[in-house]
Amino acid sequence: MGRGLTRRHAQPRWLAIVLIGSALIVSSAGACRAQCVEFSDRASQLELDTFVKSPSSLLERLRNDKEKLRYWLARYVATNPSVLPSVQTLISASASADRSSIGAALRLAEARCTSTKPDAARKIRDFVQRIGDLNVQAGYSGAGEDGSGVQAQSQIKTSPQPGRGGALLEGEWRTKLANPFKPVPLPN
């Protein structure tokens, strides 16, 4: 009689473990599909969780550095556009001078999502239109007009990185010593 009792109680535990495992797999698959950028450009889950719990912590950490604010916020939104409600909280906690950087970050995130996740890009664009904050909208449209944020991100990715040997080695595999007396080309 003791065996039957144990078997009946073991079955619900097993079923619960399978259901929890399935839920974790489905939720992680959904989070992977939400991301607009490749793995190396994504924010970590810890960074996203910290931002969602306390959006104003981003302002405190990046005090008065509008470029870093623009970069980090764009990275968060492009990694997971579901953080947009936290962006709303960030906007209400920020000074008007920071709001244009927030708008520019949203424009940058939208541009990064346009080719890979057009639905996420549309969600960001609709969010900015619903905000109604003139400073955010000015930063958003200003970043779109000059394209500086998008250009800066593409230049960072496409700029050739110098080799480990710098200009001391040349050739296809950088195995030949370079001529140290060769004239330096002038920039155009």
Protein backbone atom coordinates (compact mmCIF):
# COMPACT_ATOMS: atom_id res chain seq x y z
CA MET A 1 0.00 0.00 0.00
CA GLY A 2 2.92 2.38 0.62
CA ARG A 3 4.18 1.91 -2.95
CA GLY A 4 0.87 2.97 -4.51
CA LEU A 5 0.74 6.08 -2.40
CA THR A 6 4.28 7.09 -3.44
CA ARG A 7 3.57 6.44 -7.12
CA ARG A 8 0.46 8.65 -7.08
CA HIS A 9 2.38 11.55 -5.53
CA ALA A 10 5.35 11.16 -7.89
CA GLN A 11 3.21 11.59 -11.01
CA PRO A 12 2.09 15.19 -10.32
CA ARG A 13 5.68 16.23 -9.54
CA TRP A 14 6.90 14.81 -12.83
CA LEU A 15 4.09 16.54 -14.70
CA ALA A 16 4.87 19.85 -12.97
CA ILE A 17 8.56 19.59 -13.90
CA VAL A 18 7.69 18.93 -17.56
CA LEU A 19 5.24 21.86 -17.64
CA ILE A 20 7.73 24.26 -16.04
CA GLY A 21 10.48 23.16 -18.44
CA SER A 22 8.17 23.66 -21.42
CA ALA A 23 7.20 27.12 -20.21
CA LEU A 24 10.86 28.13 -19.84
CA ILE A 25 11.69 26.93 -23.35
CA VAL A 26 8.74 28.79 -24.87
CA SER A 27 9.51 32.01 -22.97
CA SER A 28 13.20 31.95 -23.92
CA ALA A 29 12.32 31.33 -27.56
CA GLY A 30 10.02 34.36 -27.48
CA ALA A 31 12.78 36.54 -26.03
CA CYS A 32 15.21 35.46 -28.76
CA ARG A 33 12.74 36.36 -31.49
CA ALA A 34 12.16 39.84 -30.01
CA GLN A 35 15.75 40.94 -30.50
CA CYS A 36 16.67 43.11 -33.49
CA VAL A 37 20.44 42.94 -33.26
CA GLU A 38 23.03 40.22 -33.45
CA PHE A 39 24.27 38.55 -30.30
CA SER A 40 27.42 40.66 -29.88
CA ASP A 41 25.39 43.91 -29.88
CA ARG A 42 22.73 42.78 -27.39
CA ALA A 43 22.45 43.99 -23.85
CA SER A 44 22.68 41.28 -21.21
CA GLN A 45 19.56 40.06 -19.46
CA LEU A 46 20.89 41.48 -16.19
CA GLU A 47 21.23 44.95 -17.75
CA LEU A 48 17.70 44.74 -19.14
CA ASP A 49 16.27 43.54 -15.82
CA THR A 50 18.04 46.37 -13.99
CA PHE A 51 16.68 48.91 -16.46
CA VAL A 52 13.14 47.55 -16.23
CA LYS A 53 13.19 47.59 -12.41
CA SER A 54 14.72 51.06 -12.15
CA PRO A 55 14.81 53.04 -15.40
CA SER A 56 16.18 56.15 -13.68
CA SER A 57 19.30 54.18 -12.70
CA LEU A 58 20.45 54.64 -16.30
CA LEU A 59 20.31 58.42 -15.85
CA GLU A 60 22.21 58.20 -12.57
CA ARG A 61 24.90 55.97 -14.04
CA LEU A 62 25.41 58.06 -17.20
CA ARG A 63 25.10 61.43 -15.55
CA ASN A 64 25.26 64.27 -18.14
CA ASP A 65 26.67 62.06 -20.92
CA LYS A 66 24.06 62.32 -23.65
CA GLU A 67 26.01 60.22 -26.18
CA LYS A 68 26.28 57.28 -23.77
CA LEU A 69 22.62 57.65 -22.82
CA ARG A 70 21.68 57.52 -26.48
CA TYR A 71 23.89 54.48 -27.11
CA TRP A 72 22.82 52.44 -24.08
CA LEU A 73 19.12 53.14 -24.40
CA ALA A 74 19.17 52.30 -28.11
CA ARG A 75 20.97 49.07 -27.26
CA TYR A 76 18.35 48.14 -24.64
CA VAL A 77 15.40 48.86 -26.92
CA ALA A 78 16.96 47.10 -29.92
CA THR A 79 17.75 44.07 -27.75
CA ASN A 80 14.20 43.81 -26.47
CA PRO A 81 11.52 46.30 -27.58
CA SER A 82 9.28 45.16 -24.71
CA VAL A 83 11.24 47.54 -22.42
CA LEU A 84 9.35 50.49 -23.95
CA PRO A 85 7.08 50.93 -20.87
CA SER A 86 10.24 51.44 -18.82
CA VAL A 87 11.35 54.05 -21.37
CA GLN A 88 8.10 55.90 -20.59
CA THR A 89 9.10 55.90 -16.91
CA LEU A 90 12.60 57.07 -17.87
CA ILE A 91 11.15 59.97 -19.87
CA SER A 92 9.02 61.15 -16.97
CA ALA A 93 12.03 60.95 -14.61
CA SER A 94 14.45 62.74 -16.93
CA ALA A 95 15.21 66.41 -17.42
CA SER A 96 14.10 68.02 -20.65
CA ALA A 97 17.72 68.20 -21.85
CA ASP A 98 18.00 64.39 -21.66
CA ARG A 99 14.70 63.81 -23.44
CA SER A 100 16.07 64.70 -26.86
CA SER A 101 18.80 62.07 -26.36
CA ILE A 102 16.10 59.57 -25.43
CA GLY A 103 14.26 60.41 -28.65
CA ALA A 104 17.46 60.00 -30.65
CA ALA A 105 18.04 56.63 -28.96
CA LEU A 106 14.57 55.50 -29.95
CA ARG A 107 15.24 56.54 -33.55
CA LEU A 108 18.53 54.64 -33.54
CA ALA A 109 16.84 51.54 -32.11
CA GLU A 110 14.12 51.79 -34.75
CA ALA A 111 16.72 52.03 -37.51
CA ARG A 112 18.50 48.96 -36.18
CA CYS A 113 15.24 47.01 -36.08
CA THR A 114 13.89 48.08 -39.47
CA SER A 115 15.68 45.45 -41.56
CA THR A 116 15.51 42.51 -39.15
CA LYS A 117 12.26 43.05 -37.22
CA PRO A 118 9.95 45.52 -38.99
CA ASP A 119 7.18 44.88 -36.43
CA ALA A 120 9.49 45.96 -33.62
CA ALA A 121 10.50 49.06 -35.59
CA ARG A 122 6.82 49.93 -36.08
CA LYS A 123 6.20 49.40 -32.36
CA ILE A 124 9.00 51.86 -31.52
CA ARG A 125 7.73 54.43 -34.03
CA ASP A 126 4.16 54.15 -32.67
CA PHE A 127 5.49 54.50 -29.12
CA VAL A 128 7.25 57.77 -29.98
CA GLN A 129 4.12 59.14 -31.61
CA ARG A 130 2.01 58.24 -28.56
CA ILE A 131 4.46 59.85 -26.11
CA GLY A 132 3.47 63.40 -26.96
CA ASP A 133 6.66 64.86 -25.44
CA LEU A 134 8.01 67.54 -27.78
CA ASN A 135 11.64 67.11 -26.67
CA VAL A 136 11.55 63.35 -27.30
CA GLN A 137 9.93 63.86 -30.69
CA ALA A 138 12.46 66.57 -31.60
CA GLY A 139 15.36 64.26 -30.73
CA TYR A 140 13.69 61.42 -32.63
CA SER A 141 13.15 63.44 -35.79
CA GLY A 142 16.53 65.18 -35.51
CA ALA A 143 18.32 61.83 -35.40
CA GLY A 144 16.39 60.75 -38.47
CA GLU A 145 17.16 63.88 -40.48
CA ASP A 146 20.91 63.91 -40.09
CA GLY A 147 21.25 60.13 -39.70
CA SER A 148 24.21 60.71 -37.41
CA GLY A 149 23.25 57.99 -34.97
CA VAL A 150 22.74 55.41 -37.70
CA GLN A 151 25.93 56.49 -39.47
CA ALA A 152 27.95 56.34 -36.27
CA GLN A 153 26.74 52.81 -35.54
CA SER A 154 27.50 51.65 -39.09
CA GLN A 155 30.94 53.29 -39.02
CA ILE A 156 31.78 51.53 -35.78
CA LYS A 157 30.90 48.18 -37.33
CA THR A 158 32.46 48.71 -40.77
CA SER A 159 35.64 50.54 -39.86
CA PRO A 160 38.62 48.30 -40.44
CA GLN A 161 40.39 47.38 -37.25
CA PRO A 162 44.15 47.81 -37.24
CA GLY A 163 46.15 44.61 -37.21
CA ARG A 164 47.93 43.51 -34.08
CA GLY A 165 51.25 44.49 -35.58
CA GLY A 166 50.00 47.91 -36.63
CA ALA A 167 51.90 49.29 -39.62
CA LEU A 168 55.03 47.24 -38.91
CA LEU A 169 53.80 44.24 -40.90
CA GLU A 170 52.24 44.06 -44.34
CA GLY A 171 51.12 41.53 -46.89
CA GLU A 172 48.05 39.34 -47.09
CA TRP A 173 48.85 37.48 -43.88
CA ARG A 174 50.88 40.31 -42.32
CA THR A 175 54.08 38.29 -42.36
CA LYS A 176 56.36 40.66 -44.29
CA LEU A 177 58.12 43.53 -42.58
CA ALA A 178 56.90 46.90 -43.79
CA ASN A 179 59.26 49.56 -45.14
CA PRO A 180 59.63 52.06 -42.29
CA PHE A 181 60.76 54.76 -44.77
CA LYS A 182 57.73 54.47 -47.05
CA PRO A 183 55.89 57.83 -47.30
CA VAL A 184 52.69 58.09 -45.29
CA PRO A 185 49.58 58.62 -47.46
CA LEU A 186 47.86 61.95 -46.82
CA PRO A 187 44.13 61.95 -46.03
CA ASN A 188 41.88 63.31 -48.78
